[in-house]
Amino acid sequence: MPSEVRAIKFSNDELMTALFRYAQRNGQGRKSGLPTKVKLSQNGEVSARLYATYQEPLDCNAAYIAAALILLCVRQRIPIPKKAQKSIHVQDGNVVLVLKSGDSPPQQIPP
């Protein structure tokens, strides 16, 4: 069976929008605020801090970021294989959603 590795790189604005919408969907953010910035960090695991008007900053772990980005892809009709292994990485200051599928997908992330 063929294997595949796909990397989807998101800009900081896309990440900020995805996290903000996901927080609103889960009842963690006010409906009236607007996202202002997002800070990425990678100390072992990728994490982000989302800043929005009229709200306290929201700290997001890798699973939360992945869920927000997958929801963004679904809304924008970007196909995401259900059975693919999903992981989050930081590359050149942007967050990358890596999808690996197949029997033994390659270990290397595409540039």
N, C-alpha and C. Protein backbone atom coordinates (compact mmCIF):
# COMPACT_ATOMS: atom_id res chain seq x y z
N MET A 1 0.85 -1.18 0.00
CA MET A 1 0.00 0.00 0.00
C MET A 1 0.89 1.24 0.00
N PRO A 2 0.59 2.23 -0.81
CA PRO A 2 1.39 3.44 -0.83
C PRO A 2 1.23 4.21 0.48
N SER A 3 2.24 5.00 0.77
CA SER A 3 2.17 5.86 1.95
C SER A 3 2.29 7.31 1.51
N GLU A 4 1.83 8.19 2.38
CA GLU A 4 1.80 9.61 2.04
C GLU A 4 2.12 10.45 3.27
N VAL A 5 2.85 11.52 3.05
CA VAL A 5 3.06 12.54 4.07
C VAL A 5 2.68 13.86 3.44
N ARG A 6 1.79 14.57 4.12
CA ARG A 6 1.34 15.86 3.61
C ARG A 6 1.50 16.87 4.73
N ALA A 7 2.00 18.04 4.38
CA ALA A 7 2.15 19.13 5.36
C ALA A 7 1.34 20.32 4.88
N ILE A 8 0.51 20.83 5.79
CA ILE A 8 -0.29 22.01 5.49
C ILE A 8 0.19 23.13 6.40
N LYS A 9 0.76 24.16 5.80
CA LYS A 9 1.31 25.28 6.57
C LYS A 9 0.27 26.38 6.68
N PHE A 10 0.11 26.90 7.89
CA PHE A 10 -0.87 27.94 8.17
C PHE A 10 -0.15 29.22 8.57
N SER A 11 -0.66 30.35 8.08
CA SER A 11 -0.12 31.64 8.50
C SER A 11 -0.58 31.91 9.93
N ASN A 12 0.05 32.88 10.57
CA ASN A 12 -0.36 33.24 11.93
C ASN A 12 -1.79 33.75 11.96
N ASP A 13 -2.21 34.47 10.91
CA ASP A 13 -3.59 34.95 10.85
C ASP A 13 -4.58 33.78 10.75
N GLU A 14 -4.24 32.77 9.95
CA GLU A 14 -5.10 31.60 9.83
C GLU A 14 -5.18 30.84 11.15
N LEU A 15 -4.03 30.70 11.82
CA LEU A 15 -4.00 30.03 13.12
C LEU A 15 -4.84 30.80 14.13
N MET A 16 -4.67 32.11 14.17
CA MET A 16 -5.40 32.96 15.10
C MET A 16 -6.92 32.81 14.87
N THR A 17 -7.33 32.86 13.63
CA THR A 17 -8.75 32.71 13.29
C THR A 17 -9.27 31.33 13.69
N ALA A 18 -8.50 30.29 13.39
CA ALA A 18 -8.91 28.92 13.72
C ALA A 18 -9.07 28.74 15.22
N LEU A 19 -8.11 29.22 15.99
CA LEU A 19 -8.18 29.08 17.45
C LEU A 19 -9.35 29.88 18.03
N PHE A 20 -9.55 31.08 17.51
CA PHE A 20 -10.63 31.93 18.01
C PHE A 20 -12.00 31.31 17.73
N ARG A 21 -12.20 30.83 16.51
CA ARG A 21 -13.47 30.20 16.15
C ARG A 21 -13.72 28.92 16.95
N TYR A 22 -12.65 28.15 17.15
CA TYR A 22 -12.78 26.90 17.91
C TYR A 22 -13.12 27.21 19.37
N ALA A 23 -12.51 28.23 19.94
CA ALA A 23 -12.82 28.62 21.32
C ALA A 23 -14.27 29.08 21.44
N GLN A 24 -14.73 29.85 20.48
CA GLN A 24 -16.12 30.29 20.50
C GLN A 24 -17.07 29.10 20.39
N ARG A 25 -16.73 28.18 19.54
CA ARG A 25 -17.58 26.99 19.34
C ARG A 25 -17.68 26.18 20.64
N ASN A 26 -16.60 26.15 21.42
CA ASN A 26 -16.57 25.38 22.66
C ASN A 26 -17.00 26.21 23.87
N GLY A 27 -17.47 27.43 23.64
CA GLY A 27 -17.93 28.27 24.73
C GLY A 27 -16.83 28.86 25.58
N GLN A 28 -15.61 28.94 25.05
CA GLN A 28 -14.47 29.45 25.80
C GLN A 28 -14.16 30.92 25.48
N GLY A 29 -14.91 31.52 24.61
CA GLY A 29 -14.65 32.90 24.24
C GLY A 29 -15.95 33.66 24.09
N ARG A 30 -15.85 34.95 24.27
CA ARG A 30 -17.03 35.80 24.08
C ARG A 30 -17.33 35.95 22.60
N LYS A 31 -18.58 36.09 22.30
CA LYS A 31 -18.99 36.26 20.90
C LYS A 31 -18.62 37.64 20.37
N SER A 32 -18.43 38.63 21.27
CA SER A 32 -18.22 40.01 20.82
C SER A 32 -16.75 40.37 20.59
N GLY A 33 -15.81 39.60 21.10
CA GLY A 33 -14.40 39.94 20.96
C GLY A 33 -13.84 39.63 19.59
N LEU A 34 -12.62 40.12 19.36
CA LEU A 34 -11.90 39.83 18.12
C LEU A 34 -10.50 39.35 18.47
N PRO A 35 -9.98 38.39 17.70
CA PRO A 35 -8.61 37.95 17.96
C PRO A 35 -7.63 39.06 17.60
N THR A 36 -6.59 39.24 18.42
CA THR A 36 -5.61 40.29 18.15
C THR A 36 -4.24 39.75 17.80
N LYS A 37 -3.81 38.67 18.46
CA LYS A 37 -2.52 38.05 18.12
C LYS A 37 -2.44 36.66 18.70
N VAL A 38 -1.48 35.90 18.20
CA VAL A 38 -1.22 34.56 18.70
C VAL A 38 0.29 34.41 18.83
N LYS A 39 0.72 33.78 19.92
CA LYS A 39 2.15 33.51 20.13
C LYS A 39 2.35 32.01 20.18
N LEU A 40 3.24 31.52 19.32
CA LEU A 40 3.59 30.10 19.28
C LEU A 40 4.82 29.85 20.14
N SER A 41 4.86 28.68 20.76
CA SER A 41 6.07 28.26 21.46
C SER A 41 6.22 26.76 21.29
N GLN A 42 7.46 26.30 21.37
CA GLN A 42 7.73 24.88 21.24
C GLN A 42 8.79 24.49 22.25
N ASN A 43 8.33 24.16 23.43
CA ASN A 43 9.20 23.65 24.49
C ASN A 43 8.84 22.18 24.67
N GLY A 44 9.34 21.35 23.78
CA GLY A 44 8.96 19.95 23.76
C GLY A 44 7.72 19.77 22.89
N GLU A 45 6.58 20.26 23.37
CA GLU A 45 5.32 20.19 22.62
C GLU A 45 4.94 21.58 22.14
N VAL A 46 4.31 21.65 21.01
CA VAL A 46 3.86 22.93 20.47
C VAL A 46 2.70 23.45 21.31
N SER A 47 2.72 24.73 21.60
CA SER A 47 1.61 25.37 22.30
C SER A 47 1.44 26.78 21.74
N ALA A 48 0.30 27.37 22.04
CA ALA A 48 0.02 28.71 21.56
C ALA A 48 -0.75 29.47 22.62
N ARG A 49 -0.61 30.77 22.60
CA ARG A 49 -1.40 31.64 23.46
C ARG A 49 -2.13 32.61 22.55
N LEU A 50 -3.46 32.59 22.65
CA LEU A 50 -4.33 33.43 21.83
C LEU A 50 -4.77 34.64 22.63
N TYR A 51 -4.58 35.81 22.06
CA TYR A 51 -5.02 37.06 22.67
C TYR A 51 -6.21 37.59 21.88
N ALA A 52 -7.23 38.04 22.60
CA ALA A 52 -8.42 38.59 21.96
C ALA A 52 -8.92 39.77 22.79
N THR A 53 -9.63 40.67 22.14
CA THR A 53 -10.17 41.84 22.84
C THR A 53 -11.23 41.39 23.84
N TYR A 54 -11.28 42.05 24.96
CA TYR A 54 -12.28 41.83 26.02
C TYR A 54 -12.19 40.44 26.65
N GLN A 55 -11.05 39.75 26.52
CA GLN A 55 -10.91 38.40 27.06
C GLN A 55 -9.53 38.20 27.64
N GLU A 56 -9.43 37.26 28.54
CA GLU A 56 -8.13 36.82 29.05
C GLU A 56 -7.47 35.96 27.97
N PRO A 57 -6.13 35.94 27.92
CA PRO A 57 -5.45 35.07 26.94
C PRO A 57 -5.84 33.60 27.14
N LEU A 58 -5.91 32.87 26.05
CA LEU A 58 -6.26 31.46 26.08
C LEU A 58 -5.03 30.64 25.71
N ASP A 59 -4.62 29.74 26.61
CA ASP A 59 -3.49 28.85 26.34
C ASP A 59 -4.00 27.58 25.67
N CYS A 60 -3.34 27.20 24.57
CA CYS A 60 -3.77 26.06 23.76
C CYS A 60 -2.63 25.06 23.64
N ASN A 61 -2.92 23.78 23.92
CA ASN A 61 -1.91 22.74 23.74
C ASN A 61 -1.97 22.21 22.31
N ALA A 62 -1.11 21.27 21.99
CA ALA A 62 -1.01 20.76 20.61
C ALA A 62 -2.31 20.11 20.14
N ALA A 63 -2.99 19.37 21.02
CA ALA A 63 -4.25 18.71 20.63
C ALA A 63 -5.32 19.75 20.30
N TYR A 64 -5.37 20.82 21.09
CA TYR A 64 -6.35 21.89 20.86
C TYR A 64 -6.06 22.59 19.53
N ILE A 65 -4.78 22.86 19.27
CA ILE A 65 -4.38 23.50 18.01
C ILE A 65 -4.74 22.61 16.83
N ALA A 66 -4.43 21.31 16.95
CA ALA A 66 -4.75 20.38 15.86
C ALA A 66 -6.25 20.34 15.59
N ALA A 67 -7.06 20.29 16.63
CA ALA A 67 -8.51 20.25 16.46
C ALA A 67 -9.01 21.52 15.77
N ALA A 68 -8.47 22.66 16.17
CA ALA A 68 -8.89 23.93 15.56
C ALA A 68 -8.51 23.98 14.09
N LEU A 69 -7.31 23.51 13.76
CA LEU A 69 -6.86 23.54 12.37
C LEU A 69 -7.62 22.54 11.50
N ILE A 70 -7.94 21.38 12.07
CA ILE A 70 -8.73 20.39 11.32
C ILE A 70 -10.12 20.95 11.04
N LEU A 71 -10.72 21.61 12.02
CA LEU A 71 -12.03 22.23 11.80
C LEU A 71 -11.94 23.31 10.72
N LEU A 72 -10.87 24.10 10.73
CA LEU A 72 -10.68 25.12 9.69
C LEU A 72 -10.58 24.46 8.32
N CYS A 73 -9.84 23.36 8.22
CA CYS A 73 -9.72 22.64 6.94
C CYS A 73 -11.07 22.11 6.48
N VAL A 74 -11.85 21.57 7.39
CA VAL A 74 -13.18 21.07 7.04
C VAL A 74 -14.04 22.20 6.51
N ARG A 75 -14.01 23.34 7.19
CA ARG A 75 -14.82 24.50 6.74
C ARG A 75 -14.37 25.02 5.39
N GLN A 76 -13.07 24.92 5.09
CA GLN A 76 -12.55 25.41 3.82
C GLN A 76 -12.47 24.30 2.77
N ARG A 77 -13.03 23.16 3.09
CA ARG A 77 -13.08 22.00 2.19
C ARG A 77 -11.71 21.50 1.74
N ILE A 78 -10.77 21.54 2.66
CA ILE A 78 -9.45 20.96 2.44
C ILE A 78 -9.53 19.52 2.94
N PRO A 79 -9.33 18.53 2.07
CA PRO A 79 -9.51 17.13 2.49
C PRO A 79 -8.46 16.70 3.53
N ILE A 80 -8.97 16.08 4.59
CA ILE A 80 -8.13 15.54 5.66
C ILE A 80 -8.51 14.07 5.83
N PRO A 81 -7.60 13.13 5.55
CA PRO A 81 -7.93 11.71 5.73
C PRO A 81 -8.19 11.40 7.21
N LYS A 82 -9.31 10.75 7.50
CA LYS A 82 -9.67 10.43 8.89
C LYS A 82 -8.64 9.55 9.57
N LYS A 83 -8.10 8.58 8.83
CA LYS A 83 -7.20 7.61 9.43
C LYS A 83 -5.74 8.07 9.47
N ALA A 84 -5.46 9.22 8.94
CA ALA A 84 -4.07 9.70 8.93
C ALA A 84 -3.61 10.05 10.33
N GLN A 85 -2.32 9.81 10.59
CA GLN A 85 -1.71 10.27 11.84
C GLN A 85 -1.51 11.78 11.71
N LYS A 86 -1.97 12.51 12.71
CA LYS A 86 -1.90 13.97 12.64
C LYS A 86 -0.97 14.49 13.72
N SER A 87 -0.12 15.44 13.35
CA SER A 87 0.77 16.06 14.32
C SER A 87 0.97 17.53 13.96
N ILE A 88 1.41 18.30 14.94
CA ILE A 88 1.61 19.73 14.78
C ILE A 88 3.10 20.02 14.98
N HIS A 89 3.63 20.89 14.12
CA HIS A 89 5.03 21.32 14.22
C HIS A 89 5.10 22.82 13.96
N VAL A 90 6.20 23.42 14.37
CA VAL A 90 6.46 24.82 14.04
C VAL A 90 7.61 24.83 13.04
N GLN A 91 7.40 25.53 11.92
CA GLN A 91 8.40 25.62 10.87
C GLN A 91 8.44 27.06 10.37
N ASP A 92 9.58 27.69 10.46
CA ASP A 92 9.76 29.08 10.01
C ASP A 92 8.76 30.03 10.68
N GLY A 93 8.45 29.80 11.94
CA GLY A 93 7.55 30.67 12.68
C GLY A 93 6.08 30.44 12.42
N ASN A 94 5.75 29.45 11.60
CA ASN A 94 4.35 29.12 11.30
C ASN A 94 4.05 27.72 11.79
N VAL A 95 2.79 27.46 12.04
CA VAL A 95 2.38 26.13 12.47
C VAL A 95 2.08 25.27 11.23
N VAL A 96 2.48 24.00 11.31
CA VAL A 96 2.30 23.05 10.21
C VAL A 96 1.54 21.84 10.74
N LEU A 97 0.47 21.49 10.05
CA LEU A 97 -0.28 20.27 10.35
C LEU A 97 0.26 19.19 9.42
N VAL A 98 0.83 18.13 10.00
CA VAL A 98 1.43 17.05 9.22
C VAL A 98 0.50 15.84 9.27
N LEU A 99 0.20 15.31 8.10
CA LEU A 99 -0.68 14.14 7.96
C LEU A 99 0.13 13.00 7.37
N LYS A 100 0.15 11.86 8.06
CA LYS A 100 0.87 10.68 7.58
C LYS A 100 -0.12 9.54 7.46
N SER A 101 -0.14 8.90 6.28
CA SER A 101 -1.03 7.77 6.09
C SER A 101 -0.33 6.67 5.31
N GLY A 102 -0.87 5.49 5.41
CA GLY A 102 -0.28 4.33 4.74
C GLY A 102 0.31 3.39 5.76
N ASP A 103 0.89 2.27 5.26
CA ASP A 103 1.44 1.26 6.15
C ASP A 103 2.66 1.76 6.92
N SER A 104 3.60 2.32 6.21
CA SER A 104 4.80 2.85 6.87
C SER A 104 5.15 4.19 6.24
N PRO A 105 4.44 5.25 6.66
CA PRO A 105 4.69 6.54 6.05
C PRO A 105 6.11 7.02 6.31
N PRO A 106 6.68 7.76 5.38
CA PRO A 106 8.02 8.30 5.57
C PRO A 106 8.07 9.18 6.83
N GLN A 107 9.20 9.23 7.48
CA GLN A 107 9.36 9.99 8.71
C GLN A 107 9.65 11.46 8.48
N GLN A 108 10.09 11.82 7.29
CA GLN A 108 10.51 13.18 7.01
C GLN A 108 9.33 14.07 6.66
N ILE A 109 9.37 15.30 7.16
CA ILE A 109 8.32 16.28 6.86
C ILE A 109 8.69 16.96 5.55
N PRO A 110 7.75 17.05 4.61
CA PRO A 110 8.05 17.74 3.37
C PRO A 110 8.31 19.23 3.63
N PRO A 111 9.20 19.87 2.85
CA PRO A 111 9.48 21.29 3.07
C PRO A 111 8.33 22.18 2.67
